[in-house]
Protein backbone atom coordinates (compact mmCIF):
# COMPACT_ATOMS: atom_id res chain seq x y z
CA MET A 1 91.52 131.04 119.02
CA THR A 2 94.51 131.31 121.32
CA TYR A 3 95.99 132.97 124.35
CA VAL A 4 98.40 135.86 123.90
CA ILE A 5 101.26 137.16 126.04
CA GLY A 6 101.31 140.95 126.33
CA SER A 7 103.84 143.59 127.29
CA ALA A 8 103.72 142.91 131.04
CA CYS A 9 105.90 139.85 130.39
CA VAL A 10 108.67 141.81 128.66
CA ASP A 11 111.84 141.77 130.79
CA VAL A 12 110.03 139.81 133.52
CA VAL A 13 109.78 136.33 131.91
CA ASP A 14 108.48 134.70 135.11
CA LYS A 15 107.92 131.30 133.41
CA SER A 16 105.31 130.05 135.89
CA CYS A 17 103.01 129.76 132.86
CA VAL A 18 105.49 127.49 131.08
CA GLN A 19 105.39 124.93 133.88
CA ASP A 20 101.58 124.79 133.87
CA CYS A 21 101.06 124.60 130.09
CA PRO A 22 99.89 121.09 129.14
CA ALA A 23 100.51 121.77 125.44
CA ASP A 24 104.14 122.89 125.93
CA CYS A 25 103.40 125.79 123.57
CA ILE A 26 105.00 128.73 125.42
CA TYR A 27 108.36 129.58 123.89
CA GLU A 28 111.10 131.74 125.34
CA GLY A 29 112.57 134.64 123.42
CA GLU A 30 115.28 136.88 124.83
CA ARG A 31 113.02 139.33 126.72
CA SER A 32 109.56 137.79 126.51
CA LEU A 33 107.60 134.57 126.18
CA TYR A 34 105.40 133.74 123.17
CA ILE A 35 102.45 131.36 122.78
CA ASN A 36 102.36 129.35 119.57
CA PRO A 37 98.79 129.80 118.26
CA ASP A 38 98.97 126.52 116.33
CA GLU A 39 99.85 124.52 119.44
CA CYS A 40 97.72 126.30 122.08
CA VAL A 41 94.73 124.24 123.26
CA ASP A 42 92.91 127.19 124.90
CA CYS A 43 92.92 125.63 128.37
CA ALA A 44 93.68 128.93 130.20
CA ALA A 45 96.15 127.30 132.61
CA CYS A 46 98.78 129.88 131.65
CA ALA A 47 96.48 132.84 132.23
CA PHE A 48 95.42 131.62 135.66
CA ILE A 49 98.99 131.11 136.90
CA CYS A 50 100.64 134.21 135.35
CA LYS A 51 101.92 136.34 138.24
CA VAL A 52 102.09 139.55 136.19
CA ASP A 53 98.69 139.25 134.43
CA ALA A 54 100.34 139.31 131.01
CA ILE A 55 98.26 136.57 129.36
CA TYR A 56 94.90 137.19 127.71
CA PHE A 57 92.49 135.23 125.56
CA GLU A 58 92.80 136.86 122.15
CA THR A 59 89.27 138.32 122.21
CA ASP A 60 89.88 139.79 125.68
CA LEU A 61 93.04 141.72 124.83
CA PRO A 62 92.88 145.30 126.13
CA GLU A 63 93.14 147.91 123.38
CA ASP A 64 96.73 148.78 124.33
CA GLN A 65 97.77 145.10 124.00
CA LYS A 66 96.12 144.21 120.68
CA GLN A 67 99.39 144.53 118.75
CA HIS A 68 100.63 141.46 120.64
CA LEU A 69 98.13 139.16 118.90
CA ALA A 70 99.89 139.46 115.55
CA ASP A 71 103.27 139.80 117.26
CA ASN A 72 102.96 136.45 119.09
CA ALA A 73 102.02 134.74 115.81
CA GLU A 74 104.87 136.44 113.92
CA PHE A 75 107.36 134.97 116.39
CA PHE A 76 106.61 131.63 114.71
CA THR A 77 105.87 132.65 111.11
CA LYS A 78 108.37 135.41 110.22
CA ILE A 79 112.12 135.26 110.05
CA LEU A 80 113.40 136.85 113.25
CA PRO A 81 116.66 138.77 113.52
CA GLY A 82 119.47 136.30 114.07
CA ARG A 83 117.60 133.35 112.50
CA ASP A 84 117.70 132.15 108.93
CA ALA A 85 114.21 130.61 108.86
CA PRO A 86 110.88 131.03 110.65
CA LEU A 87 110.53 129.05 113.87
CA GLY A 88 107.36 127.36 112.59
CA THR A 89 105.58 124.80 114.76
CA PRO A 90 108.44 122.89 116.34
CA GLY A 91 106.15 120.72 118.47
CA GLY A 92 107.12 121.70 121.96
CA ALA A 93 108.98 124.48 123.69
CA THR A 94 110.83 122.26 126.16
CA ALA A 95 112.76 120.33 123.52
CA LEU A 96 113.61 123.50 121.59
CA GLY A 97 114.76 125.55 124.58
CA PRO A 98 115.22 129.33 124.62
CA VAL A 99 115.19 130.88 121.16
CA GLY A 100 117.25 133.87 122.28
CA VAL A 101 115.65 136.48 120.01
CA ASP A 102 112.47 138.54 120.09
CA THR A 103 110.12 140.06 117.58
CA PRO A 104 110.85 143.62 116.41
CA LEU A 105 107.94 144.88 118.55
CA VAL A 106 109.37 143.44 121.78
CA SER A 107 112.96 144.32 120.84
CA ALA A 108 111.97 147.98 120.37
CA MET A 109 110.31 148.28 123.79
CA PRO A 110 112.25 150.18 126.44
CA ARG A 111 113.97 147.87 128.92
CA LYS A 112 112.38 147.54 132.35
CA HIS A 113 114.71 147.78 135.29
């Protein structure tokens, strides 16, 4: 089980969740953040601190956010545009830094102003 970042984070990327994550498992794309399901320890610190209510436990995802469960996982397992290999489980978002790309789902979303 894991926590999932939904569409409310897209183009907001507040990052308050990143600072409170003890597992350092919240990675930064270009327009959104992504939780690595293999590194998440299900502590809920990110969900409590998120200022835009974008983070859900996977079984609590609203119907209109369910596509983000697979999308968050694909950020780590599929080859993203602009990368030549999947991100995998790099073992900590801080050391890796911003990835600079997003999944096709997030990339296709209209930009928020």
